[in-house]
Amino acid sequence: MSDERPVAPPTPPALAGTPNAERYVLEADAMRRRQLRSALLHGSRRTWREHPRTWPAVVIGIVAAAVVVAALAVAQALDKTVENQEKQQRSQAVVELVRPA
């Protein structure tokens, strides 16, 4: 067993020569500044961890919009195809009426 005393944790140089009461005031001020900076960065909530993550909702919204746009494009293409087929059938019927077999 050694006769050495436990070593106190190192104190920051700014607080090294200050009495305990002043040290507590300075630490409280530093903590208040950290809290204010956190509130400024993360809004009115206490911490950033409490914020809901919005990017999954954004991705889902973009995917849903893409699916709707794709469905509308397919429906329009199908309507156009049906319309073109009807025009071809009408033109063939007109050609058959003009040139009897």
PDB file of N, CA and C in Angstrom:
ATOM      1  N   MET A   1       0.831  -1.173   0.000  1.00  0.00           N
ATOM      2  CA  MET A   1       0.000   0.000   0.000  1.00  0.00           C
ATOM      3  C   MET A   1       0.878   1.238   0.000  1.00  0.00           C
ATOM      4  N   SER A   2       0.522   2.146  -0.848  1.00  0.00           N
ATOM      5  CA  SER A   2       1.310   3.369  -0.929  1.00  0.00           C
ATOM      6  C   SER A   2       0.690   4.445  -0.055  1.00  0.00           C
ATOM      7  N   ASP A   3       1.507   5.404   0.331  1.00  0.00           N
ATOM      8  CA  ASP A   3       1.048   6.495   1.184  1.00  0.00           C
ATOM      9  C   ASP A   3       0.627   7.714   0.372  1.00  0.00           C
ATOM     10  N   GLU A   4       0.447   7.546  -0.922  1.00  0.00           N
ATOM     11  CA  GLU A   4       0.077   8.674  -1.769  1.00  0.00           C
ATOM     12  C   GLU A   4      -1.403   8.997  -1.608  1.00  0.00           C
ATOM     13  N   ARG A   5      -1.684  10.271  -1.602  1.00  0.00           N
ATOM     14  CA  ARG A   5      -3.074  10.709  -1.548  1.00  0.00           C
ATOM     15  C   ARG A   5      -3.676  10.638  -2.948  1.00  0.00           C
ATOM     16  N   PRO A   6      -5.018  10.478  -3.049  1.00  0.00           N
ATOM     17  CA  PRO A   6      -5.634  10.512  -4.378  1.00  0.00           C
ATOM     18  C   PRO A   6      -5.492  11.909  -4.973  1.00  0.00           C
ATOM     19  N   VAL A   7      -5.253  11.932  -6.244  1.00  0.00           N
ATOM     20  CA  VAL A   7      -5.046  13.194  -6.945  1.00  0.00           C
ATOM     21  C   VAL A   7      -6.399  13.742  -7.394  1.00  0.00           C
ATOM     22  N   ALA A   8      -6.630  15.024  -7.131  1.00  0.00           N
ATOM     23  CA  ALA A   8      -7.876  15.667  -7.553  1.00  0.00           C
ATOM     24  C   ALA A   8      -7.866  15.818  -9.068  1.00  0.00           C
ATOM     25  N   PRO A   9      -9.048  15.758  -9.687  1.00  0.00           N
ATOM     26  CA  PRO A   9      -9.090  15.924 -11.141  1.00  0.00           C
ATOM     27  C   PRO A   9      -8.583  17.311 -11.520  1.00  0.00           C
ATOM     28  N   PRO A  10      -7.954  17.411 -12.657  1.00  0.00           N
ATOM     29  CA  PRO A  10      -7.409  18.716 -13.059  1.00  0.00           C
ATOM     30  C   PRO A  10      -8.531  19.714 -13.307  1.00  0.00           C
ATOM     31  N   THR A  11      -8.308  20.934 -12.882  1.00  0.00           N
ATOM     32  CA  THR A  11      -9.300  21.986 -13.093  1.00  0.00           C
ATOM     33  C   THR A  11      -8.870  22.825 -14.284  1.00  0.00           C
ATOM     34  N   PRO A  12      -9.834  23.356 -14.998  1.00  0.00           N
ATOM     35  CA  PRO A  12      -9.485  24.206 -16.134  1.00  0.00           C
ATOM     36  C   PRO A  12      -8.673  25.408 -15.659  1.00  0.00           C
ATOM     37  N   PRO A  13      -7.790  25.917 -16.494  1.00  0.00           N
ATOM     38  CA  PRO A  13      -6.942  27.036 -16.079  1.00  0.00           C
ATOM     39  C   PRO A  13      -7.736  28.271 -15.656  1.00  0.00           C
ATOM     40  N   ALA A  14      -8.885  28.494 -16.230  1.00  0.00           N
ATOM     41  CA  ALA A  14      -9.666  29.680 -15.880  1.00  0.00           C
ATOM     42  C   ALA A  14     -10.206  29.582 -14.459  1.00  0.00           C
ATOM     43  N   LEU A  15     -10.447  28.362 -13.985  1.00  0.00           N
ATOM     44  CA  LEU A  15     -11.033  28.180 -12.659  1.00  0.00           C
ATOM     45  C   LEU A  15      -9.997  27.779 -11.616  1.00  0.00           C
ATOM     46  N   ALA A  16      -8.744  27.706 -11.952  1.00  0.00           N
ATOM     47  CA  ALA A  16      -7.730  27.175 -11.048  1.00  0.00           C
ATOM     48  C   ALA A  16      -7.575  28.024  -9.795  1.00  0.00           C
ATOM     49  N   GLY A  17      -7.594  29.334  -9.895  1.00  0.00           N
ATOM     50  CA  GLY A  17      -7.342  30.169  -8.732  1.00  0.00           C
ATOM     51  C   GLY A  17      -8.585  30.773  -8.122  1.00  0.00           C
ATOM     52  N   THR A  18      -9.764  30.267  -8.432  1.00  0.00           N
ATOM     53  CA  THR A  18     -10.995  30.876  -7.928  1.00  0.00           C
ATOM     54  C   THR A  18     -11.513  30.102  -6.729  1.00  0.00           C
ATOM     55  N   PRO A  19     -12.140  30.792  -5.782  1.00  0.00           N
ATOM     56  CA  PRO A  19     -12.747  30.100  -4.642  1.00  0.00           C
ATOM     57  C   PRO A  19     -13.950  29.285  -5.091  1.00  0.00           C
ATOM     58  N   ASN A  20     -14.408  28.402  -4.214  1.00  0.00           N
ATOM     59  CA  ASN A  20     -15.500  27.493  -4.563  1.00  0.00           C
ATOM     60  C   ASN A  20     -16.770  28.229  -4.971  1.00  0.00           C
ATOM     61  N   ALA A  21     -17.150  29.267  -4.257  1.00  0.00           N
ATOM     62  CA  ALA A  21     -18.394  29.979  -4.572  1.00  0.00           C
ATOM     63  C   ALA A  21     -18.327  30.577  -5.971  1.00  0.00           C
ATOM     64  N   GLU A  22     -17.223  31.180  -6.310  1.00  0.00           N
ATOM     65  CA  GLU A  22     -17.083  31.746  -7.649  1.00  0.00           C
ATOM     66  C   GLU A  22     -17.028  30.654  -8.701  1.00  0.00           C
ATOM     67  N   ARG A  23     -16.395  29.552  -8.366  1.00  0.00           N
ATOM     68  CA  ARG A  23     -16.305  28.439  -9.311  1.00  0.00           C
ATOM     69  C   ARG A  23     -17.702  27.921  -9.644  1.00  0.00           C
ATOM     70  N   TYR A  24     -18.558  27.793  -8.619  1.00  0.00           N
ATOM     71  CA  TYR A  24     -19.917  27.321  -8.866  1.00  0.00           C
ATOM     72  C   TYR A  24     -20.690  28.309  -9.733  1.00  0.00           C
ATOM     73  N   VAL A  25     -20.487  29.596  -9.493  1.00  0.00           N
ATOM     74  CA  VAL A  25     -21.166  30.612 -10.301  1.00  0.00           C
ATOM     75  C   VAL A  25     -20.699  30.521 -11.750  1.00  0.00           C
ATOM     76  N   LEU A  26     -19.395  30.368 -11.952  1.00  0.00           N
ATOM     77  CA  LEU A  26     -18.872  30.276 -13.316  1.00  0.00           C
ATOM     78  C   LEU A  26     -19.336  28.999 -14.009  1.00  0.00           C
ATOM     79  N   GLU A  27     -19.370  27.886 -13.274  1.00  0.00           N
ATOM     80  CA  GLU A  27     -19.856  26.637 -13.870  1.00  0.00           C
ATOM     81  C   GLU A  27     -21.337  26.742 -14.214  1.00  0.00           C
ATOM     82  N   ALA A  28     -22.121  27.388 -13.331  1.00  0.00           N
ATOM     83  CA  ALA A  28     -23.549  27.572 -13.611  1.00  0.00           C
ATOM     84  C   ALA A  28     -23.744  28.450 -14.844  1.00  0.00           C
ATOM     85  N   ASP A  29     -22.924  29.481 -14.971  1.00  0.00           N
ATOM     86  CA  ASP A  29     -23.016  30.351 -16.144  1.00  0.00           C
ATOM     87  C   ASP A  29     -22.656  29.585 -17.417  1.00  0.00           C
ATOM     88  N   ALA A  30     -21.616  28.764 -17.337  1.00  0.00           N
ATOM     89  CA  ALA A  30     -21.226  27.967 -18.508  1.00  0.00           C
ATOM     90  C   ALA A  30     -22.340  26.993 -18.891  1.00  0.00           C
ATOM     91  N   MET A  31     -22.966  26.373 -17.874  1.00  0.00           N
ATOM     92  CA  MET A  31     -24.057  25.441 -18.162  1.00  0.00           C
ATOM     93  C   MET A  31     -25.240  26.189 -18.787  1.00  0.00           C
ATOM     94  N   ARG A  32     -25.546  27.384 -18.270  1.00  0.00           N
ATOM     95  CA  ARG A  32     -26.636  28.179 -18.833  1.00  0.00           C
ATOM     96  C   ARG A  32     -26.352  28.545 -20.280  1.00  0.00           C
ATOM     97  N   ARG A  33     -25.111  28.900 -20.575  1.00  0.00           N
ATOM     98  CA  ARG A  33     -24.742  29.220 -21.958  1.00  0.00           C
ATOM     99  C   ARG A  33     -24.909  28.003 -22.865  1.00  0.00           C
ATOM    100  N   ARG A  34     -24.509  26.826 -22.366  1.00  0.00           N
ATOM    101  CA  ARG A  34     -24.686  25.603 -23.167  1.00  0.00           C
ATOM    102  C   ARG A  34     -26.158  25.337 -23.426  1.00  0.00           C
ATOM    103  N   GLN A  35     -27.001  25.536 -22.397  1.00  0.00           N
ATOM    104  CA  GLN A  35     -28.437  25.315 -22.568  1.00  0.00           C
ATOM    105  C   GLN A  35     -29.027  26.302 -23.573  1.00  0.00           C
ATOM    106  N   LEU A  36     -28.614  27.554 -23.493  1.00  0.00           N
ATOM    107  CA  LEU A  36     -29.123  28.550 -24.439  1.00  0.00           C
ATOM    108  C   LEU A  36     -28.672  28.243 -25.859  1.00  0.00           C
ATOM    109  N   ARG A  37     -27.411  27.831 -26.012  1.00  0.00           N
ATOM    110  CA  ARG A  37     -26.911  27.473 -27.348  1.00  0.00           C
ATOM    111  C   ARG A  37     -27.685  26.272 -27.893  1.00  0.00           C
ATOM    112  N   SER A  38     -27.951  25.289 -27.021  1.00  0.00           N
ATOM    113  CA  SER A  38     -28.710  24.116 -27.454  1.00  0.00           C
ATOM    114  C   SER A  38     -30.128  24.510 -27.854  1.00  0.00           C
ATOM    115  N   ALA A  39     -30.746  25.406 -27.075  1.00  0.00           N
ATOM    116  CA  ALA A  39     -32.100  25.859 -27.412  1.00  0.00           C
ATOM    117  C   ALA A  39     -32.103  26.622 -28.727  1.00  0.00           C
ATOM    118  N   LEU A  40     -31.059  27.417 -28.968  1.00  0.00           N
ATOM    119  CA  LEU A  40     -30.980  28.169 -30.219  1.00  0.00           C
ATOM    120  C   LEU A  40     -30.797  27.230 -31.407  1.00  0.00           C
ATOM    121  N   LEU A  41     -29.960  26.218 -31.227  1.00  0.00           N
ATOM    122  CA  LEU A  41     -29.690  25.301 -32.329  1.00  0.00           C
ATOM    123  C   LEU A  41     -30.840  24.339 -32.590  1.00  0.00           C
ATOM    124  N   HIS A  42     -31.533  23.923 -31.531  1.00  0.00           N
ATOM    125  CA  HIS A  42     -32.512  22.852 -31.669  1.00  0.00           C
ATOM    126  C   HIS A  42     -33.941  23.298 -31.416  1.00  0.00           C
ATOM    127  N   GLY A  43     -34.194  24.569 -31.322  1.00  0.00           N
ATOM    128  CA  GLY A  43     -35.562  25.044 -31.177  1.00  0.00           C
ATOM    129  C   GLY A  43     -36.007  25.083 -29.729  1.00  0.00           C
ATOM    130  N   SER A  44     -37.308  25.105 -29.543  1.00  0.00           N
ATOM    131  CA  SER A  44     -37.854  25.267 -28.202  1.00  0.00           C
ATOM    132  C   SER A  44     -37.823  23.977 -27.391  1.00  0.00           C
ATOM    133  N   ARG A  45     -37.527  22.877 -28.024  1.00  0.00           N
ATOM    134  CA  ARG A  45     -37.473  21.615 -27.284  1.00  0.00           C
ATOM    135  C   ARG A  45     -36.190  21.538 -26.477  1.00  0.00           C
ATOM    136  N   ARG A  46     -36.167  20.608 -25.543  1.00  0.00           N
ATOM    137  CA  ARG A  46     -35.015  20.527 -24.644  1.00  0.00           C
ATOM    138  C   ARG A  46     -33.755  20.063 -25.359  1.00  0.00           C
ATOM    139  N   THR A  47     -33.869  19.016 -26.146  1.00  0.00           N
ATOM    140  CA  THR A  47     -32.677  18.492 -26.829  1.00  0.00           C
ATOM    141  C   THR A  47     -33.040  18.127 -28.248  1.00  0.00           C
ATOM    142  N   TRP A  48     -32.039  17.904 -29.066  1.00  0.00           N
ATOM    143  CA  TRP A  48     -32.266  17.528 -30.454  1.00  0.00           C
ATOM    144  C   TRP A  48     -32.831  16.127 -30.558  1.00  0.00           C
ATOM    145  N   ARG A  49     -32.643  15.303 -29.542  1.00  0.00           N
ATOM    146  CA  ARG A  49     -33.122  13.916 -29.606  1.00  0.00           C
ATOM    147  C   ARG A  49     -34.642  13.836 -29.591  1.00  0.00           C
ATOM    148  N   GLU A  50     -35.295  14.862 -29.068  1.00  0.00           N
ATOM    149  CA  GLU A  50     -36.753  14.839 -28.982  1.00  0.00           C
ATOM    150  C   GLU A  50     -37.424  15.248 -30.286  1.00  0.00           C
ATOM    151  N   HIS A  51     -36.673  15.785 -31.223  1.00  0.00           N
ATOM    152  CA  HIS A  51     -37.266  16.208 -32.489  1.00  0.00           C
ATOM    153  C   HIS A  51     -37.653  14.988 -33.313  1.00  0.00           C
ATOM    154  N   PRO A  52     -38.844  14.983 -33.882  1.00  0.00           N
ATOM    155  CA  PRO A  52     -39.202  13.874 -34.772  1.00  0.00           C
ATOM    156  C   PRO A  52     -38.377  13.945 -36.048  1.00  0.00           C
ATOM    157  N   ARG A  53     -38.036  12.829 -36.542  1.00  0.00           N
ATOM    158  CA  ARG A  53     -37.251  12.802 -37.778  1.00  0.00           C
ATOM    159  C   ARG A  53     -38.200  12.974 -38.952  1.00  0.00           C
ATOM    160  N   THR A  54     -37.965  13.980 -39.744  1.00  0.00           N
ATOM    161  CA  THR A  54     -38.886  14.303 -40.831  1.00  0.00           C
ATOM    162  C   THR A  54     -38.480  13.676 -42.148  1.00  0.00           C
ATOM    163  N   TRP A  55     -37.226  13.256 -42.294  1.00  0.00           N
ATOM    164  CA  TRP A  55     -36.802  12.756 -43.602  1.00  0.00           C
ATOM    165  C   TRP A  55     -37.538  11.498 -44.023  1.00  0.00           C
ATOM    166  N   PRO A  56     -37.930  10.558 -43.122  1.00  0.00           N
ATOM    167  CA  PRO A  56     -38.710   9.416 -43.625  1.00  0.00           C
ATOM    168  C   PRO A  56     -40.049   9.853 -44.221  1.00  0.00           C
ATOM    169  N   ALA A  57     -40.698  10.823 -43.602  1.00  0.00           N
ATOM    170  CA  ALA A  57     -41.973  11.311 -44.130  1.00  0.00           C
ATOM    171  C   ALA A  57     -41.773  11.992 -45.479  1.00  0.00           C
ATOM    172  N   VAL A  58     -40.685  12.710 -45.631  1.00  0.00           N
ATOM    173  CA  VAL A  58     -40.399  13.374 -46.908  1.00  0.00           C
ATOM    174  C   VAL A  58     -40.165  12.336 -47.996  1.00  0.00           C
ATOM    175  N   VAL A  59     -39.394  11.301 -47.687  1.00  0.00           N
ATOM    176  CA  VAL A  59     -39.120  10.248 -48.674  1.00  0.00           C
ATOM    177  C   VAL A  59     -40.410   9.535 -49.053  1.00  0.00           C
ATOM    178  N   ILE A  60     -41.236   9.219 -48.076  1.00  0.00           N
ATOM    179  CA  ILE A  60     -42.508   8.541 -48.359  1.00  0.00           C
ATOM    180  C   ILE A  60     -43.402   9.437 -49.216  1.00  0.00           C
ATOM    181  N   GLY A  61     -43.430  10.730 -48.928  1.00  0.00           N
ATOM    182  CA  GLY A  61     -44.226  11.659 -49.733  1.00  0.00           C
ATOM    183  C   GLY A  61     -43.748  11.742 -51.166  1.00  0.00           C
ATOM    184  N   ILE A  62     -42.430  11.781 -51.350  1.00  0.00           N
ATOM    185  CA  ILE A  62     -41.882  11.837 -52.711  1.00  0.00           C
ATOM    186  C   ILE A  62     -42.197  10.554 -53.467  1.00  0.00           C
ATOM    187  N   VAL A  63     -42.064   9.409 -52.800  1.00  0.00           N
ATOM    188  CA  VAL A  63     -42.370   8.129 -53.453  1.00  0.00           C
ATOM    189  C   VAL A  63     -43.853   8.068 -53.813  1.00  0.00           C
ATOM    190  N   ALA A  64     -44.723   8.505 -52.911  1.00  0.00           N
ATOM    191  CA  ALA A  64     -46.160   8.490 -53.199  1.00  0.00           C
ATOM    192  C   ALA A  64     -46.489   9.405 -54.378  1.00  0.00           C
ATOM    193  N   ALA A  65     -45.884  10.571 -54.417  1.00  0.00           N
ATOM    194  CA  ALA A  65     -46.121  11.483 -55.541  1.00  0.00           C
ATOM    195  C   ALA A  65     -45.625  10.877 -56.850  1.00  0.00           C
ATOM    196  N   ALA A  66     -44.472  10.205 -56.811  1.00  0.00           N
ATOM    197  CA  ALA A  66     -43.946   9.565 -58.021  1.00  0.00           C
ATOM    198  C   ALA A  66     -44.873   8.449 -58.498  1.00  0.00           C
ATOM    199  N   VAL A  67     -45.433   7.686 -57.567  1.00  0.00           N
ATOM    200  CA  VAL A  67     -46.363   6.610 -57.944  1.00  0.00           C
ATOM    201  C   VAL A  67     -47.618   7.200 -58.581  1.00  0.00           C
ATOM    202  N   VAL A  68     -48.139   8.283 -58.024  1.00  0.00           N
ATOM    203  CA  VAL A  68     -49.341   8.912 -58.585  1.00  0.00           C
ATOM    204  C   VAL A  68     -49.056   9.448 -59.987  1.00  0.00           C
ATOM    205  N   VAL A  69     -47.915  10.112 -60.159  1.00  0.00           N
ATOM    206  CA  VAL A  69     -47.560  10.650 -61.480  1.00  0.00           C
ATOM    207  C   VAL A  69     -47.382   9.513 -62.483  1.00  0.00           C
ATOM    208  N   ALA A  70     -46.737   8.420 -62.070  1.00  0.00           N
ATOM    209  CA  ALA A  70     -46.545   7.281 -62.968  1.00  0.00           C
ATOM    210  C   ALA A  70     -47.890   6.657 -63.341  1.00  0.00           C
ATOM    211  N   ALA A  71     -48.795   6.535 -62.374  1.00  0.00           N
ATOM    212  CA  ALA A  71     -50.113   5.966 -62.660  1.00  0.00           C
ATOM    213  C   ALA A  71     -50.880   6.850 -63.646  1.00  0.00           C
ATOM    214  N   LEU A  72     -50.804   8.158 -63.475  1.00  0.00           N
ATOM    215  CA  LEU A  72     -51.479   9.063 -64.412  1.00  0.00           C
ATOM    216  C   LEU A  72     -50.873   8.965 -65.809  1.00  0.00           C
ATOM    217  N   ALA A  73     -49.557   8.839 -65.892  1.00  0.00           N
ATOM    218  CA  ALA A  73     -48.903   8.716 -67.199  1.00  0.00           C
ATOM    219  C   ALA A  73     -49.309   7.422 -67.892  1.00  0.00           C
ATOM    220  N   VAL A  74     -49.380   6.323 -67.141  1.00  0.00           N
ATOM    221  CA  VAL A  74     -49.786   5.040 -67.726  1.00  0.00           C
ATOM    222  C   VAL A  74     -51.238   5.108 -68.185  1.00  0.00           C
ATOM    223  N   ALA A  75     -52.107   5.714 -67.378  1.00  0.00           N
ATOM    224  CA  ALA A  75     -53.517   5.824 -67.761  1.00  0.00           C
ATOM    225  C   ALA A  75     -53.669   6.675 -69.022  1.00  0.00           C
ATOM    226  N   GLN A  76     -52.927   7.762 -69.111  1.00  0.00           N
ATOM    227  CA  GLN A  76     -53.000   8.614 -70.301  1.00  0.00           C
ATOM    228  C   GLN A  76     -52.469   7.880 -71.529  1.00  0.00           C
ATOM    229  N   ALA A  77     -51.392   7.132 -71.377  1.00  0.00           N
ATOM    230  CA  ALA A  77     -50.839   6.369 -72.503  1.00  0.00           C
ATOM    231  C   ALA A  77     -51.821   5.297 -72.954  1.00  0.00           C
ATOM    232  N   LEU A  78     -52.491   4.655 -72.014  1.00  0.00           N
ATOM    233  CA  LEU A  78     -53.479   3.631 -72.362  1.00  0.00           C
ATOM    234  C   LEU A  78     -54.649   4.257 -73.119  1.00  0.00           C
ATOM    235  N   ASP A  79     -55.130   5.407 -72.649  1.00  0.00           N
ATOM    236  CA  ASP A  79     -56.216   6.094 -73.355  1.00  0.00           C
ATOM    237  C   ASP A  79     -55.793   6.477 -74.775  1.00  0.00           C
ATOM    238  N   LYS A  80     -54.570   6.959 -74.919  1.00  0.00           N
ATOM    239  CA  LYS A  80     -54.067   7.346 -76.236  1.00  0.00           C
ATOM    240  C   LYS A  80     -53.982   6.126 -77.153  1.00  0.00           C
ATOM    241  N   THR A  81     -53.538   4.993 -76.610  1.00  0.00           N
ATOM    242  CA  THR A  81     -53.433   3.771 -77.412  1.00  0.00           C
ATOM    243  C   THR A  81     -54.809   3.314 -77.877  1.00  0.00           C
ATOM    244  N   VAL A  82     -55.772   3.327 -76.975  1.00  0.00           N
ATOM    245  CA  VAL A  82     -57.137   2.927 -77.343  1.00  0.00           C
ATOM    246  C   VAL A  82     -57.688   3.883 -78.394  1.00  0.00           C
ATOM    247  N   GLU A  83     -57.453   5.159 -78.242  1.00  0.00           N
ATOM    248  CA  GLU A  83     -57.924   6.148 -79.213  1.00  0.00           C
ATOM    249  C   GLU A  83     -57.291   5.918 -80.589  1.00  0.00           C
ATOM    250  N   ASN A  84     -55.989   5.633 -80.614  1.00  0.00           N
ATOM    251  CA  ASN A  84     -55.307   5.360 -81.888  1.00  0.00           C
ATOM    252  C   ASN A  84     -55.845   4.090 -82.547  1.00  0.00           C
ATOM    253  N   GLN A  85     -56.133   3.067 -81.753  1.00  0.00           N
ATOM    254  CA  GLN A  85     -56.684   1.824 -82.313  1.00  0.00           C
ATOM    255  C   GLN A  85     -58.065   2.072 -82.906  1.00  0.00           C
ATOM    256  N   GLU A  86     -58.873   2.888 -82.223  1.00  0.00           N
ATOM    257  CA  GLU A  86     -60.199   3.203 -82.759  1.00  0.00           C
ATOM    258  C   GLU A  86     -60.087   3.985 -84.069  1.00  0.00           C
ATOM    259  N   LYS A  87     -59.136   4.914 -84.149  1.00  0.00           N
ATOM    260  CA  LYS A  87     -58.929   5.666 -85.389  1.00  0.00           C
ATOM    261  C   LYS A  87     -58.517   4.733 -86.521  1.00  0.00           C
ATOM    262  N   GLN A  88     -57.639   3.785 -86.237  1.00  0.00           N
ATOM    263  CA  GLN A  88     -57.206   2.831 -87.270  1.00  0.00           C
ATOM    264  C   GLN A  88     -58.377   1.975 -87.731  1.00  0.00           C
ATOM    265  N   GLN A  89     -59.221   1.541 -86.801  1.00  0.00           N
ATOM    266  CA  GLN A  89     -60.376   0.729 -87.178  1.00  0.00           C
ATOM    267  C   GLN A  89     -61.343   1.552 -88.033  1.00  0.00           C
ATOM    268  N   ARG A  90     -61.556   2.825 -87.687  1.00  0.00           N
ATOM    269  CA  ARG A  90     -62.436   3.676 -88.479  1.00  0.00           C
ATOM    270  C   ARG A  90     -61.868   3.910 -89.875  1.00  0.00           C
ATOM    271  N   SER A  91     -60.550   4.155 -89.934  1.00  0.00           N
ATOM    272  CA  SER A  91     -59.952   4.395 -91.256  1.00  0.00           C
ATOM    273  C   SER A  91     -60.006   3.125 -92.105  1.00  0.00           C
ATOM    274  N   GLN A  92     -59.848   1.954 -91.512  1.00  0.00           N
ATOM    275  CA  GLN A  92     -59.964   0.702 -92.272  1.00  0.00           C
ATOM    276  C   GLN A  92     -61.397   0.499 -92.745  1.00  0.00           C
ATOM    277  N   ALA A  93     -62.379   0.865 -91.912  1.00  0.00           N
ATOM    278  CA  ALA A  93     -63.775   0.728 -92.311  1.00  0.00           C
ATOM    279  C   ALA A  93     -64.096   1.680 -93.457  1.00  0.00           C
ATOM    280  N   VAL A  94     -63.546   2.881 -93.427  1.00  0.00           N
ATOM    281  CA  VAL A  94     -63.772   3.845 -94.506  1.00  0.00           C
ATOM    282  C   VAL A  94     -63.122   3.347 -95.782  1.00  0.00           C
ATOM    283  N   VAL A  95     -61.925   2.783 -95.691  1.00  0.00           N
ATOM    284  CA  VAL A  95     -61.233   2.262 -96.871  1.00  0.00           C
ATOM    285  C   VAL A  95     -62.029   1.104 -97.458  1.00  0.00           C
ATOM    286  N   GLU A  96     -62.604   0.256 -96.643  1.00  0.00           N
ATOM    287  CA  GLU A  96     -63.390  -0.877 -97.142  1.00  0.00           C
ATOM    288  C   GLU A  96     -64.670  -0.383 -97.805  1.00  0.00           C
ATOM    289  N   LEU A  97     -65.259   0.711 -97.294  1.00  0.00           N
ATOM    290  CA  LEU A  97     -66.458   1.252 -97.918  1.00  0.00           C
ATOM    291  C   LEU A  97     -66.130   1.894 -99.259  1.00  0.00           C
ATOM    292  N   VAL A  98     -64.978   2.530 -99.353  1.00  0.00           N
ATOM    293  CA  VAL A  98     -64.592   3.185-100.591  1.00  0.00           C
ATOM    294  C   VAL A  98     -64.234   2.144-101.639  1.00  0.00           C
ATOM    295  N   ARG A  99     -63.493   1.127-101.265  1.00  0.00           N
ATOM    296  CA  ARG A  99     -63.104   0.067-102.198  1.00  0.00           C
ATOM    297  C   ARG A  99     -63.857  -1.214-101.840  1.00  0.00           C
ATOM    298  N   PRO A 100     -64.946  -1.455-102.444  1.00  0.00           N
ATOM    299  CA  PRO A 100     -65.651  -2.706-102.133  1.00  0.00           C
ATOM    300  C   PRO A 100     -64.858  -3.899-102.660  1.00  0.00           C
ATOM    301  N   ALA A 101     -64.948  -4.980-101.936  1.00  0.00           N
ATOM    302  CA  ALA A 101     -64.186  -6.162-102.312  1.00  0.00           C
ATOM    303  C   ALA A 101     -64.776  -6.892-103.465  1.00  0.00           C
TER     304      ALA A 101
END
